[in-house]
Amino acid sequence: MYKLDRTAFKIQTFEESNDDIAFWKSLTTQEIFEYGWLLTCQSFKIDALDELKLDRTVFEMRKNG
C-alpha cells in the first residue's frame, strides 16, 4: 500500500518548509487522515491493512447499579 521513502527527507530552510504547509493545505480531510494512520502504523509497527481487534482480556463491560 504505502512505503516510506527515506531518501525524500532533507534539512530545510524556513522558506522550504512553507512549501510543505501549502502541500498539506491542498489535501482533503480524508487524505490527511490516511497519512496520519500510516504514520501511526509505522510508529507502533503494525500492519496498516490488518483489522485491529479489541483485547477483551483488558477491557470489560460492567453494569452500573
PDB file of N, CA and C in Angstrom:
ATOM      1  N   MET A   1       0.839  -1.188   0.000  1.00  0.00           N
ATOM      2  CA  MET A   1       0.000   0.000   0.000  1.00  0.00           C
ATOM      3  C   MET A   1       0.882   1.248   0.000  1.00  0.00           C
ATOM      4  N   TYR A   2       1.445   1.590   1.141  1.00  0.00           N
ATOM      5  CA  TYR A   2       2.333   2.742   1.237  1.00  0.00           C
ATOM      6  C   TYR A   2       3.708   2.263   1.686  1.00  0.00           C
ATOM      7  N   LYS A   3       4.729   2.994   1.298  1.00  0.00           N
ATOM      8  CA  LYS A   3       6.064   2.696   1.768  1.00  0.00           C
ATOM      9  C   LYS A   3       6.782   4.024   2.000  1.00  0.00           C
ATOM     10  N   LEU A   4       7.486   4.118   3.118  1.00  0.00           N
ATOM     11  CA  LEU A   4       8.191   5.346   3.460  1.00  0.00           C
ATOM     12  C   LEU A   4       9.441   5.479   2.594  1.00  0.00           C
ATOM     13  N   ASP A   5       9.558   6.588   1.882  1.00  0.00           N
ATOM     14  CA  ASP A   5      10.727   6.864   1.062  1.00  0.00           C
ATOM     15  C   ASP A   5      11.719   7.654   1.896  1.00  0.00           C
ATOM     16  N   ARG A   6      12.721   6.992   2.428  1.00  0.00           N
ATOM     17  CA  ARG A   6      13.676   7.629   3.331  1.00  0.00           C
ATOM     18  C   ARG A   6      14.615   8.609   2.605  1.00  0.00           C
ATOM     19  N   THR A   7      14.676   8.547   1.293  1.00  0.00           N
ATOM     20  CA  THR A   7      15.521   9.484   0.547  1.00  0.00           C
ATOM     21  C   THR A   7      14.818  10.825   0.353  1.00  0.00           C
ATOM     22  N   ALA A   8      13.548  10.911   0.720  1.00  0.00           N
ATOM     23  CA  ALA A   8      12.770  12.131   0.489  1.00  0.00           C
ATOM     24  C   ALA A   8      12.995  13.195   1.559  1.00  0.00           C
ATOM     25  N   PHE A   9      13.698  12.865   2.622  1.00  0.00           N
ATOM     26  CA  PHE A   9      13.873  13.804   3.729  1.00  0.00           C
ATOM     27  C   PHE A   9      15.200  14.537   3.620  1.00  0.00           C
ATOM     28  N   LYS A  10      15.180  15.801   3.996  1.00  0.00           N
ATOM     29  CA  LYS A  10      16.403  16.607   3.976  1.00  0.00           C
ATOM     30  C   LYS A  10      16.250  17.761   4.966  1.00  0.00           C
ATOM     31  N   ILE A  11      17.354  18.372   5.297  1.00  0.00           N
ATOM     32  CA  ILE A  11      17.335  19.561   6.141  1.00  0.00           C
ATOM     33  C   ILE A  11      16.800  20.717   5.294  1.00  0.00           C
ATOM     34  N   GLN A  12      15.865  21.485   5.856  1.00  0.00           N
ATOM     35  CA  GLN A  12      15.205  22.532   5.090  1.00  0.00           C
ATOM     36  C   GLN A  12      15.387  23.897   5.732  1.00  0.00           C
ATOM     37  N   THR A  13      15.260  24.916   4.885  1.00  0.00           N
ATOM     38  CA  THR A  13      15.201  26.285   5.385  1.00  0.00           C
ATOM     39  C   THR A  13      13.747  26.589   5.741  1.00  0.00           C
ATOM     40  N   PHE A  14      13.501  27.713   6.376  1.00  0.00           N
ATOM     41  CA  PHE A  14      12.140  28.099   6.723  1.00  0.00           C
ATOM     42  C   PHE A  14      11.299  28.330   5.470  1.00  0.00           C
ATOM     43  N   GLU A  15      11.900  28.868   4.416  1.00  0.00           N
ATOM     44  CA  GLU A  15      11.163  29.108   3.180  1.00  0.00           C
ATOM     45  C   GLU A  15      10.727  27.789   2.544  1.00  0.00           C
ATOM     46  N   GLU A  16      11.626  26.802   2.573  1.00  0.00           N
ATOM     47  CA  GLU A  16      11.281  25.499   2.002  1.00  0.00           C
ATOM     48  C   GLU A  16      10.190  24.805   2.816  1.00  0.00           C
ATOM     49  N   SER A  17      10.215  24.988   4.115  1.00  0.00           N
ATOM     50  CA  SER A  17       9.195  24.338   4.941  1.00  0.00           C
ATOM     51  C   SER A  17       7.818  24.960   4.717  1.00  0.00           C
ATOM     52  N   ASN A  18       7.766  26.218   4.298  1.00  0.00           N
ATOM     53  CA  ASN A  18       6.480  26.844   3.973  1.00  0.00           C
ATOM     54  C   ASN A  18       5.819  26.155   2.788  1.00  0.00           C
ATOM     55  N   ASP A  19       6.634  25.587   1.874  1.00  0.00           N
ATOM     56  CA  ASP A  19       6.079  24.835   0.755  1.00  0.00           C
ATOM     57  C   ASP A  19       5.355  23.587   1.263  1.00  0.00           C
ATOM     58  N   ASP A  20       5.851  22.994   2.344  1.00  0.00           N
ATOM     59  CA  ASP A  20       5.199  21.824   2.927  1.00  0.00           C
ATOM     60  C   ASP A  20       3.820  22.189   3.466  1.00  0.00           C
ATOM     61  N   ILE A  21       3.698  23.353   4.044  1.00  0.00           N
ATOM     62  CA  ILE A  21       2.404  23.797   4.567  1.00  0.00           C
ATOM     63  C   ILE A  21       1.396  23.907   3.427  1.00  0.00           C
ATOM     64  N   ALA A  22       1.830  24.418   2.289  1.00  0.00           N
ATOM     65  CA  ALA A  22       0.928  24.532   1.137  1.00  0.00           C
ATOM     66  C   ALA A  22       0.490  23.146   0.661  1.00  0.00           C
ATOM     67  N   PHE A  23       1.391  22.173   0.725  1.00  0.00           N
ATOM     68  CA  PHE A  23       1.043  20.806   0.330  1.00  0.00           C
ATOM     69  C   PHE A  23      -0.046  20.246   1.236  1.00  0.00           C
ATOM     70  N   TRP A  24       0.139  20.360   2.554  1.00  0.00           N
ATOM     71  CA  TRP A  24      -0.834  19.798   3.500  1.00  0.00           C
ATOM     72  C   TRP A  24      -2.178  20.500   3.401  1.00  0.00           C
ATOM     73  N   LYS A  25      -2.177  21.799   3.106  1.00  0.00           N
ATOM     74  CA  LYS A  25      -3.439  22.524   2.964  1.00  0.00           C
ATOM     75  C   LYS A  25      -4.170  22.153   1.676  1.00  0.00           C
ATOM     76  N   SER A  26      -3.455  21.597   0.712  1.00  0.00           N
ATOM     77  CA  SER A  26      -4.078  21.214  -0.551  1.00  0.00           C
ATOM     78  C   SER A  26      -4.761  19.853  -0.472  1.00  0.00           C
ATOM     79  N   LEU A  27      -4.533  19.089   0.593  1.00  0.00           N
ATOM     80  CA  LEU A  27      -5.101  17.755   0.729  1.00  0.00           C
ATOM     81  C   LEU A  27      -6.519  17.805   1.283  1.00  0.00           C
ATOM     82  N   THR A  28      -7.281  16.759   0.981  1.00  0.00           N
ATOM     83  CA  THR A  28      -8.615  16.640   1.563  1.00  0.00           C
ATOM     84  C   THR A  28      -8.477  16.098   2.985  1.00  0.00           C
ATOM     85  N   THR A  29      -9.540  16.198   3.746  1.00  0.00           N
ATOM     86  CA  THR A  29      -9.538  15.687   5.113  1.00  0.00           C
ATOM     87  C   THR A  29      -9.279  14.182   5.119  1.00  0.00           C
ATOM     88  N   GLN A  30      -9.877  13.458   4.177  1.00  0.00           N
ATOM     89  CA  GLN A  30      -9.690  12.008   4.088  1.00  0.00           C
ATOM     90  C   GLN A  30      -8.215  11.672   3.842  1.00  0.00           C
ATOM     91  N   GLU A  31      -7.549  12.396   2.954  1.00  0.00           N
ATOM     92  CA  GLU A  31      -6.137  12.136   2.674  1.00  0.00           C
ATOM     93  C   GLU A  31      -5.259  12.418   3.893  1.00  0.00           C
ATOM     94  N   ILE A  32      -5.591  13.451   4.642  1.00  0.00           N
ATOM     95  CA  ILE A  32      -4.820  13.772   5.849  1.00  0.00           C
ATOM     96  C   ILE A  32      -4.968  12.658   6.874  1.00  0.00           C
ATOM     97  N   PHE A  33      -6.193  12.124   7.049  1.00  0.00           N
ATOM     98  CA  PHE A  33      -6.396  11.011   7.974  1.00  0.00           C
ATOM     99  C   PHE A  33      -5.635   9.764   7.522  1.00  0.00           C
ATOM    100  N   GLU A  34      -5.586   9.529   6.206  1.00  0.00           N
ATOM    101  CA  GLU A  34      -4.848   8.370   5.695  1.00  0.00           C
ATOM    102  C   GLU A  34      -3.348   8.503   5.985  1.00  0.00           C
ATOM    103  N   TYR A  35      -2.791   9.684   5.788  1.00  0.00           N
ATOM    104  CA  TYR A  35      -1.381   9.908   6.118  1.00  0.00           C
ATOM    105  C   TYR A  35      -1.149   9.740   7.625  1.00  0.00           C
ATOM    106  N   GLY A  36      -2.074  10.257   8.423  1.00  0.00           N
ATOM    107  CA  GLY A  36      -1.949  10.120   9.873  1.00  0.00           C
ATOM    108  C   GLY A  36      -1.979   8.668  10.306  1.00  0.00           C
ATOM    109  N   TRP A  37      -2.891   7.879   9.706  1.00  0.00           N
ATOM    110  CA  TRP A  37      -2.973   6.460  10.041  1.00  0.00           C
ATOM    111  C   TRP A  37      -1.690   5.736   9.634  1.00  0.00           C
ATOM    112  N   LEU A  38      -1.162   6.073   8.472  1.00  0.00           N
ATOM    113  CA  LEU A  38       0.091   5.464   8.010  1.00  0.00           C
ATOM    114  C   LEU A  38       1.227   5.746   8.987  1.00  0.00           C
ATOM    115  N   LEU A  39       1.355   6.980   9.436  1.00  0.00           N
ATOM    116  CA  LEU A  39       2.421   7.333  10.379  1.00  0.00           C
ATOM    117  C   LEU A  39       2.217   6.649  11.727  1.00  0.00           C
ATOM    118  N   THR A  40       0.958   6.534  12.166  1.00  0.00           N
ATOM    119  CA  THR A  40       0.668   5.831  13.415  1.00  0.00           C
ATOM    120  C   THR A  40       1.073   4.367  13.304  1.00  0.00           C
ATOM    121  N   CYS A  41       0.739   3.734  12.194  1.00  0.00           N
ATOM    122  CA  CYS A  41       1.089   2.327  11.984  1.00  0.00           C
ATOM    123  C   CYS A  41       2.602   2.132  11.958  1.00  0.00           C
ATOM    124  N   GLN A  42       3.320   3.042  11.337  1.00  0.00           N
ATOM    125  CA  GLN A  42       4.772   2.931  11.309  1.00  0.00           C
ATOM    126  C   GLN A  42       5.364   3.133  12.694  1.00  0.00           C
ATOM    127  N   SER A  43       4.789   4.016  13.483  1.00  0.00           N
ATOM    128  CA  SER A  43       5.302   4.278  14.829  1.00  0.00           C
ATOM    129  C   SER A  43       5.143   3.072  15.740  1.00  0.00           C
ATOM    130  N   PHE A  44       3.998   2.387  15.635  1.00  0.00           N
ATOM    131  CA  PHE A  44       3.716   1.262  16.513  1.00  0.00           C
ATOM    132  C   PHE A  44       4.013  -0.084  15.873  1.00  0.00           C
ATOM    133  N   LYS A  45       4.596  -0.061  14.658  1.00  0.00           N
ATOM    134  CA  LYS A  45       4.979  -1.267  13.929  1.00  0.00           C
ATOM    135  C   LYS A  45       3.808  -2.236  13.768  1.00  0.00           C
ATOM    136  N   ILE A  46       2.690  -1.702  13.272  1.00  0.00           N
ATOM    137  CA  ILE A  46       1.543  -2.540  12.969  1.00  0.00           C
ATOM    138  C   ILE A  46       1.254  -2.446  11.481  1.00  0.00           C
ATOM    139  N   ASP A  47       0.614  -3.472  10.955  1.00  0.00           N
ATOM    140  CA  ASP A  47       0.279  -3.504   9.537  1.00  0.00           C
ATOM    141  C   ASP A  47      -0.954  -2.640   9.299  1.00  0.00           C
ATOM    142  N   ALA A  48      -0.863  -1.704   8.387  1.00  0.00           N
ATOM    143  CA  ALA A  48      -1.957  -0.766   8.139  1.00  0.00           C
ATOM    144  C   ALA A  48      -3.183  -1.460   7.554  1.00  0.00           C
ATOM    145  N   LEU A  49      -3.007  -2.618   6.941  1.00  0.00           N
ATOM    146  CA  LEU A  49      -4.124  -3.298   6.304  1.00  0.00           C
ATOM    147  C   LEU A  49      -4.827  -4.289   7.220  1.00  0.00           C
ATOM    148  N   ASP A  50      -4.213  -4.660   8.350  1.00  0.00           N
ATOM    149  CA  ASP A  50      -4.834  -5.597   9.281  1.00  0.00           C
ATOM    150  C   ASP A  50      -5.961  -4.924  10.053  1.00  0.00           C
ATOM    151  N   GLU A  51      -7.006  -5.683  10.311  1.00  0.00           N
ATOM    152  CA  GLU A  51      -8.103  -5.178  11.127  1.00  0.00           C
ATOM    153  C   GLU A  51      -7.707  -5.292  12.595  1.00  0.00           C
ATOM    154  N   LEU A  52      -7.823  -4.200  13.336  1.00  0.00           N
ATOM    155  CA  LEU A  52      -7.472  -4.211  14.746  1.00  0.00           C
ATOM    156  C   LEU A  52      -8.621  -4.762  15.565  1.00  0.00           C
ATOM    157  N   LYS A  53      -8.307  -5.557  16.569  1.00  0.00           N
ATOM    158  CA  LYS A  53      -9.325  -6.170  17.426  1.00  0.00           C
ATOM    159  C   LYS A  53      -9.142  -5.683  18.849  1.00  0.00           C
ATOM    160  N   LEU A  54     -10.235  -5.545  19.558  1.00  0.00           N
ATOM    161  CA  LEU A  54     -10.218  -5.132  20.957  1.00  0.00           C
ATOM    162  C   LEU A  54      -9.764  -6.305  21.815  1.00  0.00           C
ATOM    163  N   ASP A  55      -8.784  -6.074  22.678  1.00  0.00           N
ATOM    164  CA  ASP A  55      -8.295  -7.107  23.586  1.00  0.00           C
ATOM    165  C   ASP A  55      -9.277  -7.232  24.744  1.00  0.00           C
ATOM    166  N   ARG A  56     -10.104  -8.249  24.724  1.00  0.00           N
ATOM    167  CA  ARG A  56     -11.160  -8.428  25.728  1.00  0.00           C
ATOM    168  C   ARG A  56     -10.605  -8.813  27.099  1.00  0.00           C
ATOM    169  N   THR A  57      -9.320  -9.200  27.178  1.00  0.00           N
ATOM    170  CA  THR A  57      -8.738  -9.527  28.481  1.00  0.00           C
ATOM    171  C   THR A  57      -8.413  -8.265  29.269  1.00  0.00           C
ATOM    172  N   VAL A  58      -8.326  -7.132  28.586  1.00  0.00           N
ATOM    173  CA  VAL A  58      -8.005  -5.864  29.253  1.00  0.00           C
ATOM    174  C   VAL A  58      -9.270  -5.062  29.559  1.00  0.00           C
ATOM    175  N   PHE A  59     -10.212  -5.079  28.613  1.00  0.00           N
ATOM    176  CA  PHE A  59     -11.422  -4.289  28.752  1.00  0.00           C
ATOM    177  C   PHE A  59     -12.619  -5.191  29.040  1.00  0.00           C
ATOM    178  N   GLU A  60     -13.477  -4.741  29.904  1.00  0.00           N
ATOM    179  CA  GLU A  60     -14.696  -5.487  30.190  1.00  0.00           C
ATOM    180  C   GLU A  60     -15.848  -4.512  30.427  1.00  0.00           C
ATOM    181  N   MET A  61     -17.048  -4.995  30.220  1.00  0.00           N
ATOM    182  CA  MET A  61     -18.231  -4.159  30.442  1.00  0.00           C
ATOM    183  C   MET A  61     -18.844  -4.534  31.792  1.00  0.00           C
ATOM    184  N   ARG A  62     -19.246  -3.520  32.538  1.00  0.00           N
ATOM    185  CA  ARG A  62     -19.925  -3.727  33.815  1.00  0.00           C
ATOM    186  C   ARG A  62     -21.201  -2.912  33.833  1.00  0.00           C
ATOM    187  N   LYS A  63     -22.180  -3.420  34.506  1.00  0.00           N
ATOM    188  CA  LYS A  63     -23.437  -2.711  34.655  1.00  0.00           C
ATOM    189  C   LYS A  63     -23.365  -1.860  35.915  1.00  0.00           C
ATOM    190  N   ASN A  64     -23.695  -0.589  35.794  1.00  0.00           N
ATOM    191  CA  ASN A  64     -23.717   0.286  36.968  1.00  0.00           C
ATOM    192  C   ASN A  64     -25.010   0.067  37.742  1.00  0.00           C
ATOM    193  N   GLY A  65     -24.887   0.037  39.050  1.00  0.00           N
ATOM    194  CA  GLY A  65     -26.109  -0.005  39.820  1.00  0.00           C
ATOM    195  C   GLY A  65     -26.152  -1.102  40.732  1.00  0.00           C
TER     196      GLY A  65
END
